[in-house]
Amino acid sequence: MARPVRAVLGDVRLDCRICRGDLSRDREVLLDSSGMEFMKPARADESATGLICRRCGYVHLFADKDIKLYRADK
């Protein structure tokens, strides 16, 4: 399993909006426009940072590339 991370956007710490947990695992998520898939290649689709809460499993998506991730030692 991926190592836990903490996330920050600017000077705001990003906690889970459901359980207020501060540890997540991250992954890149493709923002698929399936209705337009036949008109452009999939590699042209946008991506987002997905943060999956380690406590409750809620998935947060951030299209803002300024999000900073810090590995947690837990």
PDB file of N, CA and C in Angstrom:
ATOM      1  N   MET A   1       0.849  -1.189   0.000  1.00  0.00           N
ATOM      2  CA  MET A   1       0.000   0.000   0.000  1.00  0.00           C
ATOM      3  C   MET A   1       0.884   1.238   0.000  1.00  0.00           C
ATOM      4  N   ALA A   2       0.420   2.276  -0.661  1.00  0.00           N
ATOM      5  CA  ALA A   2       1.181   3.516  -0.766  1.00  0.00           C
ATOM      6  C   ALA A   2       1.386   4.133   0.613  1.00  0.00           C
ATOM      7  N   ARG A   3       2.524   4.795   0.749  1.00  0.00           N
ATOM      8  CA  ARG A   3       2.818   5.476   2.014  1.00  0.00           C
ATOM      9  C   ARG A   3       1.869   6.644   2.205  1.00  0.00           C
ATOM     10  N   PRO A   4       1.496   6.935   3.439  1.00  0.00           N
ATOM     11  CA  PRO A   4       0.575   8.044   3.697  1.00  0.00           C
ATOM     12  C   PRO A   4       1.209   9.401   3.408  1.00  0.00           C
ATOM     13  N   VAL A   5       0.363  10.338   2.986  1.00  0.00           N
ATOM     14  CA  VAL A   5       0.799  11.711   2.728  1.00  0.00           C
ATOM     15  C   VAL A   5      -0.112  12.685   3.467  1.00  0.00           C
ATOM     16  N   ARG A   6       0.418  13.880   3.676  1.00  0.00           N
ATOM     17  CA  ARG A   6      -0.377  15.018   4.130  1.00  0.00           C
ATOM     18  C   ARG A   6      -0.346  16.019   2.994  1.00  0.00           C
ATOM     19  N   ALA A   7      -1.443  16.758   2.814  1.00  0.00           N
ATOM     20  CA  ALA A   7      -1.556  17.683   1.690  1.00  0.00           C
ATOM     21  C   ALA A   7      -1.773  19.111   2.182  1.00  0.00           C
ATOM     22  N   VAL A   8      -1.203  20.049   1.419  1.00  0.00           N
ATOM     23  CA  VAL A   8      -1.314  21.472   1.722  1.00  0.00           C
ATOM     24  C   VAL A   8      -1.560  22.216   0.419  1.00  0.00           C
ATOM     25  N   LEU A   9      -2.450  23.189   0.470  1.00  0.00           N
ATOM     26  CA  LEU A   9      -2.687  24.080  -0.660  1.00  0.00           C
ATOM     27  C   LEU A   9      -2.451  25.494  -0.156  1.00  0.00           C
ATOM     28  N   GLY A  10      -1.360  26.099  -0.598  1.00  0.00           N
ATOM     29  CA  GLY A  10      -0.959  27.391  -0.041  1.00  0.00           C
ATOM     30  C   GLY A  10      -0.555  27.187   1.409  1.00  0.00           C
ATOM     31  N   ASP A  11      -1.218  27.889   2.321  1.00  0.00           N
ATOM     32  CA  ASP A  11      -0.933  27.696   3.741  1.00  0.00           C
ATOM     33  C   ASP A  11      -2.076  26.974   4.464  1.00  0.00           C
ATOM     34  N   VAL A  12      -2.939  26.302   3.689  1.00  0.00           N
ATOM     35  CA  VAL A  12      -4.083  25.580   4.257  1.00  0.00           C
ATOM     36  C   VAL A  12      -3.823  24.077   4.215  1.00  0.00           C
ATOM     37  N   ARG A  13      -3.870  23.436   5.383  1.00  0.00           N
ATOM     38  CA  ARG A  13      -3.740  21.986   5.442  1.00  0.00           C
ATOM     39  C   ARG A  13      -5.053  21.365   4.982  1.00  0.00           C
ATOM     40  N   LEU A  14      -4.980  20.358   4.116  1.00  0.00           N
ATOM     41  CA  LEU A  14      -6.171  19.708   3.582  1.00  0.00           C
ATOM     42  C   LEU A  14      -6.475  18.437   4.368  1.00  0.00           C
ATOM     43  N   ASP A  15      -7.536  18.495   5.152  1.00  0.00           N
ATOM     44  CA  ASP A  15      -8.012  17.335   5.906  1.00  0.00           C
ATOM     45  C   ASP A  15      -9.244  16.781   5.209  1.00  0.00           C
ATOM     46  N   CYS A  16      -9.594  15.545   5.527  1.00  0.00           N
ATOM     47  CA  CYS A  16     -10.783  14.922   4.950  1.00  0.00           C
ATOM     48  C   CYS A  16     -12.030  15.698   5.356  1.00  0.00           C
ATOM     49  N   ARG A  17     -12.885  15.988   4.396  1.00  0.00           N
ATOM     50  CA  ARG A  17     -14.101  16.744   4.695  1.00  0.00           C
ATOM     51  C   ARG A  17     -15.160  15.891   5.378  1.00  0.00           C
ATOM     52  N   ILE A  18     -14.998  14.567   5.382  1.00  0.00           N
ATOM     53  CA  ILE A  18     -15.966  13.676   6.022  1.00  0.00           C
ATOM     54  C   ILE A  18     -15.586  13.388   7.468  1.00  0.00           C
ATOM     55  N   CYS A  19     -14.340  12.884   7.682  1.00  0.00           N
ATOM     56  CA  CYS A  19     -13.949  12.442   9.026  1.00  0.00           C
ATOM     57  C   CYS A  19     -12.856  13.300   9.654  1.00  0.00           C
ATOM     58  N   ARG A  20     -12.362  14.293   8.937  1.00  0.00           N
ATOM     59  CA  ARG A  20     -11.297  15.198   9.387  1.00  0.00           C
ATOM     60  C   ARG A  20      -9.945  14.510   9.544  1.00  0.00           C
ATOM     61  N   GLY A  21      -9.793  13.323   8.959  1.00  0.00           N
ATOM     62  CA  GLY A  21      -8.497  12.650   8.981  1.00  0.00           C
ATOM     63  C   GLY A  21      -7.474  13.461   8.201  1.00  0.00           C
ATOM     64  N   ASP A  22      -6.210  13.390   8.619  1.00  0.00           N
ATOM     65  CA  ASP A  22      -5.183  14.192   7.946  1.00  0.00           C
ATOM     66  C   ASP A  22      -4.212  13.351   7.120  1.00  0.00           C
ATOM     67  N   LEU A  23      -4.428  12.041   7.046  1.00  0.00           N
ATOM     68  CA  LEU A  23      -3.566  11.175   6.253  1.00  0.00           C
ATOM     69  C   LEU A  23      -4.325  10.626   5.053  1.00  0.00           C
ATOM     70  N   SER A  24      -3.669  10.634   3.908  1.00  0.00           N
ATOM     71  CA  SER A  24      -4.275  10.151   2.669  1.00  0.00           C
ATOM     72  C   SER A  24      -3.244   9.334   1.917  1.00  0.00           C
ATOM     73  N   ARG A  25      -3.712   8.661   0.878  1.00  0.00           N
ATOM     74  CA  ARG A  25      -2.786   8.142  -0.121  1.00  0.00           C
ATOM     75  C   ARG A  25      -3.144   8.856  -1.411  1.00  0.00           C
ATOM     76  N   ASP A  26      -2.156   9.061  -2.241  1.00  0.00           N
ATOM     77  CA  ASP A  26      -2.388   9.871  -3.440  1.00  0.00           C
ATOM     78  C   ASP A  26      -2.231   9.037  -4.699  1.00  0.00           C
ATOM     79  N   ARG A  27      -2.893   9.513  -5.741  1.00  0.00           N
ATOM     80  CA  ARG A  27      -2.738   8.919  -7.067  1.00  0.00           C
ATOM     81  C   ARG A  27      -3.215   9.909  -8.106  1.00  0.00           C
ATOM     82  N   GLU A  28      -2.672   9.787  -9.301  1.00  0.00           N
ATOM     83  CA  GLU A  28      -3.128  10.617 -10.409  1.00  0.00           C
ATOM     84  C   GLU A  28      -4.418  10.016 -10.953  1.00  0.00           C
ATOM     85  N   VAL A  29      -5.397  10.866 -11.216  1.00  0.00           N
ATOM     86  CA  VAL A  29      -6.699  10.425 -11.707  1.00  0.00           C
ATOM     87  C   VAL A  29      -6.964  11.087 -13.046  1.00  0.00           C
ATOM     88  N   LEU A  30      -7.309  10.298 -14.032  1.00  0.00           N
ATOM     89  CA  LEU A  30      -7.627  10.825 -15.349  1.00  0.00           C
ATOM     90  C   LEU A  30      -9.063  11.343 -15.352  1.00  0.00           C
ATOM     91  N   LEU A  31      -9.243  12.590 -15.736  1.00  0.00           N
ATOM     92  CA  LEU A  31     -10.575  13.183 -15.833  1.00  0.00           C
ATOM     93  C   LEU A  31     -11.086  12.886 -17.235  1.00  0.00           C
ATOM     94  N   ASP A  32     -11.687  11.740 -17.388  1.00  0.00           N
ATOM     95  CA  ASP A  32     -12.109  11.222 -18.684  1.00  0.00           C
ATOM     96  C   ASP A  32     -13.365  11.928 -19.173  1.00  0.00           C
ATOM     97  N   SER A  33     -13.321  12.335 -20.411  1.00  0.00           N
ATOM     98  CA  SER A  33     -14.510  12.909 -21.042  1.00  0.00           C
ATOM     99  C   SER A  33     -15.048  11.860 -22.006  1.00  0.00           C
ATOM    100  N   SER A  34     -15.652  10.821 -21.465  1.00  0.00           N
ATOM    101  CA  SER A  34     -16.019   9.641 -22.250  1.00  0.00           C
ATOM    102  C   SER A  34     -16.932   9.965 -23.431  1.00  0.00           C
ATOM    103  N   GLY A  35     -17.743  10.986 -23.314  1.00  0.00           N
ATOM    104  CA  GLY A  35     -18.613  11.347 -24.425  1.00  0.00           C
ATOM    105  C   GLY A  35     -17.842  11.889 -25.619  1.00  0.00           C
ATOM    106  N   MET A  36     -16.649  12.396 -25.373  1.00  0.00           N
ATOM    107  CA  MET A  36     -15.831  12.973 -26.431  1.00  0.00           C
ATOM    108  C   MET A  36     -14.649  12.079 -26.787  1.00  0.00           C
ATOM    109  N   GLU A  37     -14.567  10.905 -26.196  1.00  0.00           N
ATOM    110  CA  GLU A  37     -13.417  10.028 -26.384  1.00  0.00           C
ATOM    111  C   GLU A  37     -13.117   9.744 -27.852  1.00  0.00           C
ATOM    112  N   PHE A  38     -14.130   9.609 -28.677  1.00  0.00           N
ATOM    113  CA  PHE A  38     -13.904   9.288 -30.084  1.00  0.00           C
ATOM    114  C   PHE A  38     -13.322  10.461 -30.874  1.00  0.00           C
ATOM    115  N   MET A  39     -13.402  11.675 -30.318  1.00  0.00           N
ATOM    116  CA  MET A  39     -12.938  12.845 -31.046  1.00  0.00           C
ATOM    117  C   MET A  39     -11.486  13.224 -30.753  1.00  0.00           C
ATOM    118  N   LYS A  40     -10.932  12.732 -29.635  1.00  0.00           N
ATOM    119  CA  LYS A  40      -9.551  13.058 -29.296  1.00  0.00           C
ATOM    120  C   LYS A  40      -8.925  11.880 -28.562  1.00  0.00           C
ATOM    121  N   PRO A  41      -7.626  11.771 -28.609  1.00  0.00           N
ATOM    122  CA  PRO A  41      -6.970  10.657 -27.919  1.00  0.00           C
ATOM    123  C   PRO A  41      -7.066  10.812 -26.404  1.00  0.00           C
ATOM    124  N   ALA A  42      -7.094   9.702 -25.695  1.00  0.00           N
ATOM    125  CA  ALA A  42      -7.226   9.717 -24.238  1.00  0.00           C
ATOM    126  C   ALA A  42      -6.082  10.474 -23.575  1.00  0.00           C
ATOM    127  N   ARG A  43      -4.908  10.458 -24.172  1.00  0.00           N
ATOM    128  CA  ARG A  43      -3.760  11.132 -23.554  1.00  0.00           C
ATOM    129  C   ARG A  43      -3.945  12.645 -23.481  1.00  0.00           C
ATOM    130  N   ALA A  44      -4.898  13.195 -24.205  1.00  0.00           N
ATOM    131  CA  ALA A  44      -5.153  14.633 -24.175  1.00  0.00           C
ATOM    132  C   ALA A  44      -6.067  15.028 -23.019  1.00  0.00           C
ATOM    133  N   ASP A  45      -6.652  14.040 -22.335  1.00  0.00           N
ATOM    134  CA  ASP A  45      -7.529  14.349 -21.211  1.00  0.00           C
ATOM    135  C   ASP A  45      -6.731  14.950 -20.055  1.00  0.00           C
ATOM    136  N   GLU A  46      -7.411  15.746 -19.259  1.00  0.00           N
ATOM    137  CA  GLU A  46      -6.814  16.372 -18.101  1.00  0.00           C
ATOM    138  C   GLU A  46      -6.708  15.360 -16.968  1.00  0.00           C
ATOM    139  N   SER A  47      -5.810  15.625 -16.037  1.00  0.00           N
ATOM    140  CA  SER A  47      -5.705  14.759 -14.871  1.00  0.00           C
ATOM    141  C   SER A  47      -5.833  15.598 -13.605  1.00  0.00           C
ATOM    142  N   ALA A  48      -6.057  14.916 -12.489  1.00  0.00           N
ATOM    143  CA  ALA A  48      -6.187  15.564 -11.189  1.00  0.00           C
ATOM    144  C   ALA A  48      -5.427  14.735 -10.167  1.00  0.00           C
ATOM    145  N   THR A  49      -5.153  15.349  -9.033  1.00  0.00           N
ATOM    146  CA  THR A  49      -4.565  14.614  -7.920  1.00  0.00           C
ATOM    147  C   THR A  49      -5.707  14.053  -7.084  1.00  0.00           C
ATOM    148  N   GLY A  50      -5.707  12.760  -6.891  1.00  0.00           N
ATOM    149  CA  GLY A  50      -6.703  12.119  -6.040  1.00  0.00           C
ATOM    150  C   GLY A  50      -6.111  11.840  -4.681  1.00  0.00           C
ATOM    151  N   LEU A  51      -6.787  12.278  -3.632  1.00  0.00           N
ATOM    152  CA  LEU A  51      -6.379  11.965  -2.264  1.00  0.00           C
ATOM    153  C   LEU A  51      -7.441  11.062  -1.662  1.00  0.00           C
ATOM    154  N   ILE A  52      -7.040   9.881  -1.238  1.00  0.00           N
ATOM    155  CA  ILE A  52      -7.954   8.902  -0.659  1.00  0.00           C
ATOM    156  C   ILE A  52      -7.686   8.855   0.837  1.00  0.00           C
ATOM    157  N   CYS A  53      -8.680   9.240   1.621  1.00  0.00           N
ATOM    158  CA  CYS A  53      -8.529   9.301   3.078  1.00  0.00           C
ATOM    159  C   CYS A  53      -8.177   7.924   3.633  1.00  0.00           C
ATOM    160  N   ARG A  54      -7.138   7.867   4.451  1.00  0.00           N
ATOM    161  CA  ARG A  54      -6.701   6.590   5.035  1.00  0.00           C
ATOM    162  C   ARG A  54      -7.661   6.107   6.125  1.00  0.00           C
ATOM    163  N   ARG A  55      -8.452   7.012   6.682  1.00  0.00           N
ATOM    164  CA  ARG A  55      -9.367   6.626   7.750  1.00  0.00           C
ATOM    165  C   ARG A  55     -10.708   6.136   7.212  1.00  0.00           C
ATOM    166  N   CYS A  56     -11.351   6.914   6.313  1.00  0.00           N
ATOM    167  CA  CYS A  56     -12.713   6.561   5.884  1.00  0.00           C
ATOM    168  C   CYS A  56     -12.821   6.180   4.408  1.00  0.00           C
ATOM    169  N   GLY A  57     -11.780   6.457   3.607  1.00  0.00           N
ATOM    170  CA  GLY A  57     -11.794   6.077   2.202  1.00  0.00           C
ATOM    171  C   GLY A  57     -12.427   7.078   1.253  1.00  0.00           C
ATOM    172  N   TYR A  58     -12.865   8.211   1.766  1.00  0.00           N
ATOM    173  CA  TYR A  58     -13.454   9.230   0.891  1.00  0.00           C
ATOM    174  C   TYR A  58     -12.401   9.714  -0.106  1.00  0.00           C
ATOM    175  N   VAL A  59     -12.800   9.923  -1.355  1.00  0.00           N
ATOM    176  CA  VAL A  59     -11.874  10.356  -2.403  1.00  0.00           C
ATOM    177  C   VAL A  59     -12.078  11.845  -2.682  1.00  0.00           C
ATOM    178  N   HIS A  60     -11.003  12.600  -2.556  1.00  0.00           N
ATOM    179  CA  HIS A  60     -10.999  14.028  -2.868  1.00  0.00           C
ATOM    180  C   HIS A  60     -10.240  14.213  -4.171  1.00  0.00           C
ATOM    181  N   LEU A  61     -10.738  15.040  -5.063  1.00  0.00           N
ATOM    182  CA  LEU A  61     -10.054  15.320  -6.327  1.00  0.00           C
ATOM    183  C   LEU A  61      -9.653  16.786  -6.379  1.00  0.00           C
ATOM    184  N   PHE A  62      -8.406  17.031  -6.808  1.00  0.00           N
ATOM    185  CA  PHE A  62      -7.885  18.384  -6.913  1.00  0.00           C
ATOM    186  C   PHE A  62      -7.270  18.578  -8.293  1.00  0.00           C
ATOM    187  N   ALA A  63      -7.855  19.467  -9.091  1.00  0.00           N
ATOM    188  CA  ALA A  63      -7.309  19.774 -10.407  1.00  0.00           C
ATOM    189  C   ALA A  63      -6.213  20.831 -10.302  1.00  0.00           C
ATOM    190  N   ASP A  64      -6.154  21.524  -9.175  1.00  0.00           N
ATOM    191  CA  ASP A  64      -5.144  22.557  -8.944  1.00  0.00           C
ATOM    192  C   ASP A  64      -3.779  21.892  -8.790  1.00  0.00           C
ATOM    193  N   LYS A  65      -2.848  22.264  -9.617  1.00  0.00           N
ATOM    194  CA  LYS A  65      -1.512  21.660  -9.587  1.00  0.00           C
ATOM    195  C   LYS A  65      -0.627  22.249  -8.492  1.00  0.00           C
ATOM    196  N   ASP A  66      -1.114  23.240  -7.739  1.00  0.00           N
ATOM    197  CA  ASP A  66      -0.325  23.850  -6.667  1.00  0.00           C
ATOM    198  C   ASP A  66      -0.407  23.081  -5.359  1.00  0.00           C
ATOM    199  N   ILE A  67      -1.144  21.978  -5.331  1.00  0.00           N
ATOM    200  CA  ILE A  67      -1.243  21.169  -4.129  1.00  0.00           C
ATOM    201  C   ILE A  67       0.124  20.544  -3.828  1.00  0.00           C
ATOM    202  N   LYS A  68       0.538  20.595  -2.590  1.00  0.00           N
ATOM    203  CA  LYS A  68       1.824  20.026  -2.157  1.00  0.00           C
ATOM    204  C   LYS A  68       1.558  18.813  -1.284  1.00  0.00           C
ATOM    205  N   LEU A  69       2.273  17.743  -1.556  1.00  0.00           N
ATOM    206  CA  LEU A  69       2.142  16.505  -0.788  1.00  0.00           C
ATOM    207  C   LEU A  69       3.400  16.250   0.004  1.00  0.00           C
ATOM    208  N   TYR A  70       3.234  15.868   1.263  1.00  0.00           N
ATOM    209  CA  TYR A  70       4.360  15.586   2.144  1.00  0.00           C
ATOM    210  C   TYR A  70       4.192  14.176   2.702  1.00  0.00           C
ATOM    211  N   ARG A  71       5.210  13.358   2.551  1.00  0.00           N
ATOM    212  CA  ARG A  71       5.160  11.994   3.072  1.00  0.00           C
ATOM    213  C   ARG A  71       5.079  12.044   4.592  1.00  0.00           C
ATOM    214  N   ALA A  72       4.176  11.253   5.146  1.00  0.00           N
ATOM    215  CA  ALA A  72       4.000  11.174   6.591  1.00  0.00           C
ATOM    216  C   ALA A  72       4.769   9.960   7.111  1.00  0.00           C
ATOM    217  N   ASP A  73       5.386  10.093   8.237  1.00  0.00           N
ATOM    218  CA  ASP A  73       6.128   8.985   8.841  1.00  0.00           C
ATOM    219  C   ASP A  73       5.244   8.209   9.793  1.00  0.00           C
ATOM    220  N   LYS A  74       4.175   7.625   9.252  1.00  0.00           N
ATOM    221  CA  LYS A  74       3.244   6.882  10.106  1.00  0.00           C
ATOM    222  C   LYS A  74       2.927   5.580   9.469  1.00  0.00           C
TER     223      LYS A  74
END
